[in-house]
């Protein structure tokens, strides 16, 4: 990845997040967080990863709303970033947060099922 791609990806995350929460008055987008972006080498295509708090229906509704306004967001980003060509933005759900939460629950369940560790030298008991 080039330095320019990385700079534009960071700007894309920052600017899209700001535009979604400041300019779009869609209640489906209240709990949307942009977690990452990948832009192609020619800067014409961008995949933006988002997380959405809520159930599957809320996630689907938010993703549909974002992809519906993707062209408008791409145009605004292009004007703000002074790019020649607007990247085609495609939003997708980031499953990383859900995966981490699922792993945390599994680890908690395993820890609850294990017997407690016995400490050989408990303070105050036979320690000299």
C-alpha atoms as a PDB file:
ATOM      1  CA  UNK A   1       0.000   0.000   0.000  1.00  0.00           C
ATOM      2  CA  UNK A   2       1.302   3.404  -0.881  1.00  0.00           C
ATOM      3  CA  UNK A   3       1.527   6.299   1.514  1.00  0.00           C
ATOM      4  CA  UNK A   4      -1.099   8.141  -0.525  1.00  0.00           C
ATOM      5  CA  UNK A   5      -3.527   5.212  -0.281  1.00  0.00           C
ATOM      6  CA  UNK A   6      -3.035   5.068   3.472  1.00  0.00           C
ATOM      7  CA  UNK A   7      -3.557   8.817   3.830  1.00  0.00           C
ATOM      8  CA  UNK A   8      -6.755   8.693   1.746  1.00  0.00           C
ATOM      9  CA  UNK A   9      -8.054   5.654   3.678  1.00  0.00           C
ATOM     10  CA  UNK A  10      -7.589   7.493   6.966  1.00  0.00           C
ATOM     11  CA  UNK A  11      -9.295  10.581   5.553  1.00  0.00           C
ATOM     12  CA  UNK A  12     -12.109   8.407   4.214  1.00  0.00           C
ATOM     13  CA  UNK A  13     -12.757   6.888   7.646  1.00  0.00           C
ATOM     14  CA  UNK A  14     -12.652  10.263   9.386  1.00  0.00           C
ATOM     15  CA  UNK A  15     -14.722  12.184   6.827  1.00  0.00           C
ATOM     16  CA  UNK A  16     -17.371   9.525   6.224  1.00  0.00           C
ATOM     17  CA  UNK A  17     -17.868   9.079   9.949  1.00  0.00           C
ATOM     18  CA  UNK A  18     -18.332  12.805  10.379  1.00  0.00           C
ATOM     19  CA  UNK A  19     -20.693  13.080   7.393  1.00  0.00           C
ATOM     20  CA  UNK A  20     -22.833  10.141   8.518  1.00  0.00           C
ATOM     21  CA  UNK A  21     -23.354  11.519  12.009  1.00  0.00           C
ATOM     22  CA  UNK A  22     -23.513  15.221  11.135  1.00  0.00           C
ATOM     23  CA  UNK A  23     -25.230  15.435   7.748  1.00  0.00           C
ATOM     24  CA  UNK A  24     -27.454  12.360   7.476  1.00  0.00           C
ATOM     25  CA  UNK A  25     -30.573  12.509   9.606  1.00  0.00           C
ATOM     26  CA  UNK A  26     -31.446   8.845   9.205  1.00  0.00           C
ATOM     27  CA  UNK A  27     -32.404   7.104  12.482  1.00  0.00           C
ATOM     28  CA  UNK A  28     -31.085   3.802  11.097  1.00  0.00           C
ATOM     29  CA  UNK A  29     -27.573   5.276  11.132  1.00  0.00           C
ATOM     30  CA  UNK A  30     -27.442   6.436  14.752  1.00  0.00           C
ATOM     31  CA  UNK A  31     -25.459   3.420  15.992  1.00  0.00           C
ATOM     32  CA  UNK A  32     -23.118   3.065  12.993  1.00  0.00           C
ATOM     33  CA  UNK A  33     -19.348   3.150  13.538  1.00  0.00           C
ATOM     34  CA  UNK A  34     -16.825   3.047  10.719  1.00  0.00           C
ATOM     35  CA  UNK A  35     -14.057   0.645  11.686  1.00  0.00           C
ATOM     36  CA  UNK A  36     -11.888   0.588   8.574  1.00  0.00           C
ATOM     37  CA  UNK A  37     -11.518   1.215   4.874  1.00  0.00           C
ATOM     38  CA  UNK A  38      -9.624  -0.217   1.929  1.00  0.00           C
ATOM     39  CA  UNK A  39      -9.108   1.775  -1.207  1.00  0.00           C
ATOM     40  CA  UNK A  40      -7.847   0.374  -4.487  1.00  0.00           C
ATOM     41  CA  UNK A  41      -4.506   1.401  -5.926  1.00  0.00           C
ATOM     42  CA  UNK A  42      -6.194   3.537  -8.593  1.00  0.00           C
ATOM     43  CA  UNK A  43      -8.410   5.166  -5.893  1.00  0.00           C
ATOM     44  CA  UNK A  44     -11.584   4.267  -7.794  1.00  0.00           C
ATOM     45  CA  UNK A  45     -13.033   1.661  -5.425  1.00  0.00           C
ATOM     46  CA  UNK A  46     -13.339   1.702  -1.660  1.00  0.00           C
ATOM     47  CA  UNK A  47     -14.666  -0.868   0.774  1.00  0.00           C
ATOM     48  CA  UNK A  48     -15.703   0.617   4.092  1.00  0.00           C
ATOM     49  CA  UNK A  49     -16.217  -1.647   7.110  1.00  0.00           C
ATOM     50  CA  UNK A  50     -18.870  -0.653   9.633  1.00  0.00           C
ATOM     51  CA  UNK A  51     -20.258  -2.000  12.866  1.00  0.00           C
ATOM     52  CA  UNK A  52     -23.852  -1.449  13.879  1.00  0.00           C
ATOM     53  CA  UNK A  53     -25.203  -1.836  17.394  1.00  0.00           C
ATOM     54  CA  UNK A  54     -28.438  -3.789  17.436  1.00  0.00           C
ATOM     55  CA  UNK A  55     -29.955  -6.968  16.072  1.00  0.00           C
ATOM     56  CA  UNK A  56     -29.661  -8.421  12.575  1.00  0.00           C
ATOM     57  CA  UNK A  57     -32.591  -6.359  11.297  1.00  0.00           C
ATOM     58  CA  UNK A  58     -30.954  -3.126  12.509  1.00  0.00           C
ATOM     59  CA  UNK A  59     -27.672  -4.112  10.860  1.00  0.00           C
ATOM     60  CA  UNK A  60     -29.386  -4.910   7.564  1.00  0.00           C
ATOM     61  CA  UNK A  61     -31.377  -1.654   7.633  1.00  0.00           C
ATOM     62  CA  UNK A  62     -28.280   0.438   8.391  1.00  0.00           C
ATOM     63  CA  UNK A  63     -26.243  -1.279   5.679  1.00  0.00           C
ATOM     64  CA  UNK A  64     -29.044  -0.723   3.162  1.00  0.00           C
ATOM     65  CA  UNK A  65     -29.294   2.962   4.145  1.00  0.00           C
ATOM     66  CA  UNK A  66     -25.526   3.459   3.850  1.00  0.00           C
ATOM     67  CA  UNK A  67     -25.282   1.827   0.446  1.00  0.00           C
ATOM     68  CA  UNK A  68     -28.258   3.925  -0.725  1.00  0.00           C
ATOM     69  CA  UNK A  69     -26.376   7.176   0.027  1.00  0.00           C
ATOM     70  CA  UNK A  70     -22.909   5.900  -0.910  1.00  0.00           C
ATOM     71  CA  UNK A  71     -22.802   7.957  -4.131  1.00  0.00           C
ATOM     72  CA  UNK A  72     -23.673  11.168  -2.325  1.00  0.00           C
ATOM     73  CA  UNK A  73     -21.062  10.463   0.362  1.00  0.00           C
ATOM     74  CA  UNK A  74     -18.441   9.655  -2.288  1.00  0.00           C
ATOM     75  CA  UNK A  75     -19.117  12.956  -4.062  1.00  0.00           C
ATOM     76  CA  UNK A  76     -18.846  14.949  -0.849  1.00  0.00           C
ATOM     77  CA  UNK A  77     -15.649  13.127   0.104  1.00  0.00           C
ATOM     78  CA  UNK A  78     -14.152  13.776  -3.324  1.00  0.00           C
ATOM     79  CA  UNK A  79     -14.882  17.492  -3.128  1.00  0.00           C
ATOM     80  CA  UNK A  80     -13.517  17.726   0.406  1.00  0.00           C
ATOM     81  CA  UNK A  81     -10.355  15.736  -0.415  1.00  0.00           C
ATOM     82  CA  UNK A  82      -9.753  17.418  -3.784  1.00  0.00           C
ATOM     83  CA  UNK A  83      -9.592  14.113  -5.654  1.00  0.00           C
ATOM     84  CA  UNK A  84     -10.158  13.999  -9.403  1.00  0.00           C
ATOM     85  CA  UNK A  85     -12.370  10.915  -9.399  1.00  0.00           C
ATOM     86  CA  UNK A  86     -14.925   9.900  -6.798  1.00  0.00           C
ATOM     87  CA  UNK A  87     -14.267   6.418  -5.441  1.00  0.00           C
ATOM     88  CA  UNK A  88     -17.109   3.944  -5.689  1.00  0.00           C
ATOM     89  CA  UNK A  89     -17.867   3.265  -2.028  1.00  0.00           C
ATOM     90  CA  UNK A  90     -19.265  -0.069  -0.901  1.00  0.00           C
ATOM     91  CA  UNK A  91     -20.184  -0.513   2.758  1.00  0.00           C
ATOM     92  CA  UNK A  92     -19.890  -3.926   4.424  1.00  0.00           C
ATOM     93  CA  UNK A  93     -20.406  -5.180   7.947  1.00  0.00           C
ATOM     94  CA  UNK A  94     -17.294  -5.669  10.055  1.00  0.00           C
ATOM     95  CA  UNK A  95     -17.712  -8.941  11.912  1.00  0.00           C
ATOM     96  CA  UNK A  96     -14.562  -8.405  13.985  1.00  0.00           C
ATOM     97  CA  UNK A  97     -16.369  -6.875  16.964  1.00  0.00           C
ATOM     98  CA  UNK A  98     -19.027  -9.599  16.968  1.00  0.00           C
ATOM     99  CA  UNK A  99     -16.332 -12.263  16.729  1.00  0.00           C
ATOM    100  CA  UNK A 100     -14.424 -10.742  19.662  1.00  0.00           C
ATOM    101  CA  UNK A 101     -17.598 -10.582  21.770  1.00  0.00           C
ATOM    102  CA  UNK A 102     -18.443 -14.199  20.965  1.00  0.00           C
ATOM    103  CA  UNK A 103     -14.916 -15.283  21.935  1.00  0.00           C
ATOM    104  CA  UNK A 104     -15.152 -13.328  25.200  1.00  0.00           C
ATOM    105  CA  UNK A 105     -18.416 -15.107  26.091  1.00  0.00           C
ATOM    106  CA  UNK A 106     -16.897 -18.513  25.292  1.00  0.00           C
ATOM    107  CA  UNK A 107     -13.838 -17.786  27.437  1.00  0.00           C
ATOM    108  CA  UNK A 108     -16.026 -16.622  30.327  1.00  0.00           C
ATOM    109  CA  UNK A 109     -18.105 -19.802  30.044  1.00  0.00           C
ATOM    110  CA  UNK A 110     -14.989 -22.004  30.054  1.00  0.00           C
ATOM    111  CA  UNK A 111     -13.541 -20.093  33.016  1.00  0.00           C
ATOM    112  CA  UNK A 112     -16.785 -20.564  34.953  1.00  0.00           C
ATOM    113  CA  UNK A 113     -16.714 -24.325  34.320  1.00  0.00           C
ATOM    114  CA  UNK A 114     -13.110 -24.792  35.475  1.00  0.00           C
ATOM    115  CA  UNK A 115     -12.427 -25.482  39.152  1.00  0.00           C
ATOM    116  CA  UNK A 116     -10.713 -22.609  40.981  1.00  0.00           C
ATOM    117  CA  UNK A 117      -6.938 -22.747  41.202  1.00  0.00           C
ATOM    118  CA  UNK A 118      -5.553 -23.614  44.633  1.00  0.00           C
ATOM    119  CA  UNK A 119      -2.671 -21.444  45.762  1.00  0.00           C
ATOM    120  CA  UNK A 120      -0.017 -23.468  47.562  1.00  0.00           C
ATOM    121  CA  UNK A 121       1.231 -20.619  49.731  1.00  0.00           C
ATOM    122  CA  UNK A 122      -1.843 -18.722  50.812  1.00  0.00           C
ATOM    123  CA  UNK A 123      -0.976 -15.639  52.874  1.00  0.00           C
ATOM    124  CA  UNK A 124      -1.089 -16.241  56.618  1.00  0.00           C
ATOM    125  CA  UNK A 125      -1.204 -20.022  56.408  1.00  0.00           C
ATOM    126  CA  UNK A 126       2.072 -21.690  57.345  1.00  0.00           C
ATOM    127  CA  UNK A 127       4.306 -19.191  55.590  1.00  0.00           C
ATOM    128  CA  UNK A 128       7.461 -18.528  57.594  1.00  0.00           C
END
